[in-house]
Amino acid sequence: MENNYENLSDEQLADRVIHEFKADGVDEYVDSHAEDRKGLGDTIEKTFSKFGITSKVIEKIMGTKGCGCNERKNWLNKIFPYNKKKKKDD
């Protein structure tokens, strides 16, 4: 799918985002991939990457080596962790 989002209206962009998430198995009630994520940082990284915004792209835009994305992701995961349901064996 083409990543030409700047020509979309806000409503079209919102529809595209919803479509992308549903195609990835995420709906408004159940996030089937949440068990792969530790917290908010992982979700933000996954959301940005859906639109081609990766640490490599940010490094290129900023003209630097290393953007601090991984540190921010880990920090967000620590302060906004997802509560994992414990299995009965735990």
C-alpha atoms as a PDB file:
ATOM      1  CA  MET A   1       0.000   0.000   0.000  1.00  0.00           C
ATOM      2  CA  GLU A   2       1.316   3.411  -0.924  1.00  0.00           C
ATOM      3  CA  ASN A   3       2.395   5.685   1.945  1.00  0.00           C
ATOM      4  CA  ASN A   4       1.112   8.936   0.398  1.00  0.00           C
ATOM      5  CA  TYR A   5      -0.818  10.232   3.399  1.00  0.00           C
ATOM      6  CA  GLU A   6      -0.328  13.982   3.025  1.00  0.00           C
ATOM      7  CA  ASN A   7      -2.990  14.205   0.299  1.00  0.00           C
ATOM      8  CA  LEU A   8      -5.690  12.603   2.460  1.00  0.00           C
ATOM      9  CA  SER A   9      -8.299  14.473   4.465  1.00  0.00           C
ATOM     10  CA  ASP A  10      -8.352  13.864   8.227  1.00  0.00           C
ATOM     11  CA  GLU A  11     -11.339  11.567   7.805  1.00  0.00           C
ATOM     12  CA  GLN A  12      -9.669   9.593   5.010  1.00  0.00           C
ATOM     13  CA  LEU A  13      -6.498   9.276   7.079  1.00  0.00           C
ATOM     14  CA  ALA A  14      -8.466   8.025  10.088  1.00  0.00           C
ATOM     15  CA  ASP A  15     -10.221   5.474   7.872  1.00  0.00           C
ATOM     16  CA  ARG A  16      -6.857   4.355   6.467  1.00  0.00           C
ATOM     17  CA  VAL A  17      -5.416   3.931   9.977  1.00  0.00           C
ATOM     18  CA  ILE A  18      -8.402   1.862  11.089  1.00  0.00           C
ATOM     19  CA  HIS A  19      -8.151  -0.267   7.949  1.00  0.00           C
ATOM     20  CA  GLU A  20      -4.410  -0.843   8.528  1.00  0.00           C
ATOM     21  CA  PHE A  21      -4.960  -1.905  12.122  1.00  0.00           C
ATOM     22  CA  LYS A  22      -7.811  -4.249  11.232  1.00  0.00           C
ATOM     23  CA  ALA A  23      -5.664  -5.784   8.479  1.00  0.00           C
ATOM     24  CA  ASP A  24      -3.029  -6.413  11.146  1.00  0.00           C
ATOM     25  CA  GLY A  25      -5.569  -8.178  13.366  1.00  0.00           C
ATOM     26  CA  VAL A  26      -6.210  -5.271  15.734  1.00  0.00           C
ATOM     27  CA  ASP A  27      -9.776  -4.162  16.255  1.00  0.00           C
ATOM     28  CA  GLU A  28     -11.467  -1.795  18.658  1.00  0.00           C
ATOM     29  CA  TYR A  29     -12.150  -4.523  21.218  1.00  0.00           C
ATOM     30  CA  VAL A  30      -9.254  -6.949  21.106  1.00  0.00           C
ATOM     31  CA  ASP A  31      -5.615  -6.374  20.275  1.00  0.00           C
ATOM     32  CA  SER A  32      -4.520  -9.844  19.277  1.00  0.00           C
ATOM     33  CA  HIS A  33      -0.884  -8.748  19.066  1.00  0.00           C
ATOM     34  CA  ALA A  34      -0.765  -7.072  22.488  1.00  0.00           C
ATOM     35  CA  GLU A  35       0.884 -10.095  24.077  1.00  0.00           C
ATOM     36  CA  ASP A  36       3.929  -9.360  21.900  1.00  0.00           C
ATOM     37  CA  ARG A  37       4.208  -5.873  23.403  1.00  0.00           C
ATOM     38  CA  LYS A  38       5.527  -4.899  26.817  1.00  0.00           C
ATOM     39  CA  GLY A  39       3.922  -1.474  26.973  1.00  0.00           C
ATOM     40  CA  LEU A  40       3.033   1.813  25.324  1.00  0.00           C
ATOM     41  CA  GLY A  41       6.478   2.261  23.755  1.00  0.00           C
ATOM     42  CA  ASP A  42       6.090  -0.938  21.730  1.00  0.00           C
ATOM     43  CA  THR A  43       2.629   0.120  20.548  1.00  0.00           C
ATOM     44  CA  ILE A  44       3.866   3.555  19.462  1.00  0.00           C
ATOM     45  CA  GLU A  45       6.778   1.971  17.594  1.00  0.00           C
ATOM     46  CA  LYS A  46       4.440  -0.455  15.812  1.00  0.00           C
ATOM     47  CA  THR A  47       1.983   2.330  14.936  1.00  0.00           C
ATOM     48  CA  PHE A  48       4.702   4.609  13.550  1.00  0.00           C
ATOM     49  CA  SER A  49       6.231   1.773  11.542  1.00  0.00           C
ATOM     50  CA  LYS A  50       2.844   1.156   9.871  1.00  0.00           C
ATOM     51  CA  PHE A  51       3.319   4.562   8.260  1.00  0.00           C
ATOM     52  CA  GLY A  52       6.983   4.100   7.425  1.00  0.00           C
ATOM     53  CA  ILE A  53       8.263   6.109  10.390  1.00  0.00           C
ATOM     54  CA  THR A  54      11.189   4.069  11.697  1.00  0.00           C
ATOM     55  CA  SER A  55      14.318   4.903  13.650  1.00  0.00           C
ATOM     56  CA  LYS A  56      16.286   4.741  10.388  1.00  0.00           C
ATOM     57  CA  VAL A  57      13.981   7.332   8.786  1.00  0.00           C
ATOM     58  CA  ILE A  58      14.238   9.613  11.823  1.00  0.00           C
ATOM     59  CA  GLU A  59      18.035   9.289  11.824  1.00  0.00           C
ATOM     60  CA  LYS A  60      18.096  10.244   8.148  1.00  0.00           C
ATOM     61  CA  ILE A  61      15.825  13.256   8.682  1.00  0.00           C
ATOM     62  CA  MET A  62      17.831  14.432  11.692  1.00  0.00           C
ATOM     63  CA  GLY A  63      21.150  13.676  10.003  1.00  0.00           C
ATOM     64  CA  THR A  64      22.431  11.861  13.071  1.00  0.00           C
ATOM     65  CA  LYS A  65      23.526   8.396  14.057  1.00  0.00           C
ATOM     66  CA  GLY A  66      21.085   7.151  16.636  1.00  0.00           C
ATOM     67  CA  CYS A  67      17.827   8.924  17.386  1.00  0.00           C
ATOM     68  CA  GLY A  68      17.150   7.753  20.939  1.00  0.00           C
ATOM     69  CA  CYS A  69      13.990   5.970  19.810  1.00  0.00           C
ATOM     70  CA  ASN A  70      14.875   2.719  21.550  1.00  0.00           C
ATOM     71  CA  GLU A  71      15.575   4.482  24.846  1.00  0.00           C
ATOM     72  CA  ARG A  72      12.263   6.364  24.662  1.00  0.00           C
ATOM     73  CA  LYS A  73      10.423   3.157  23.770  1.00  0.00           C
ATOM     74  CA  ASN A  74      11.936   1.316  26.755  1.00  0.00           C
ATOM     75  CA  TRP A  75      11.157   4.258  29.060  1.00  0.00           C
ATOM     76  CA  LEU A  76       7.522   4.358  27.923  1.00  0.00           C
ATOM     77  CA  ASN A  77       7.267   0.576  28.349  1.00  0.00           C
ATOM     78  CA  LYS A  78       8.495   0.929  31.948  1.00  0.00           C
ATOM     79  CA  ILE A  79       6.163   3.743  32.977  1.00  0.00           C
ATOM     80  CA  PHE A  80       3.145   2.492  30.958  1.00  0.00           C
ATOM     81  CA  PRO A  81       3.460  -1.302  31.009  1.00  0.00           C
ATOM     82  CA  TYR A  82       0.678  -3.575  29.865  1.00  0.00           C
ATOM     83  CA  ASN A  83      -0.724  -5.723  32.600  1.00  0.00           C
ATOM     84  CA  LYS A  84      -0.178  -9.303  31.642  1.00  0.00           C
ATOM     85  CA  LYS A  85      -2.675 -11.861  32.819  1.00  0.00           C
ATOM     86  CA  LYS A  86      -0.865 -14.462  34.836  1.00  0.00           C
ATOM     87  CA  LYS A  87      -1.347 -18.043  33.862  1.00  0.00           C
ATOM     88  CA  LYS A  88      -2.617 -20.384  36.557  1.00  0.00           C
ATOM     89  CA  ASP A  89       0.790 -22.095  36.533  1.00  0.00           C
ATOM     90  CA  ASP A  90       2.558 -18.835  37.572  1.00  0.00           C
END
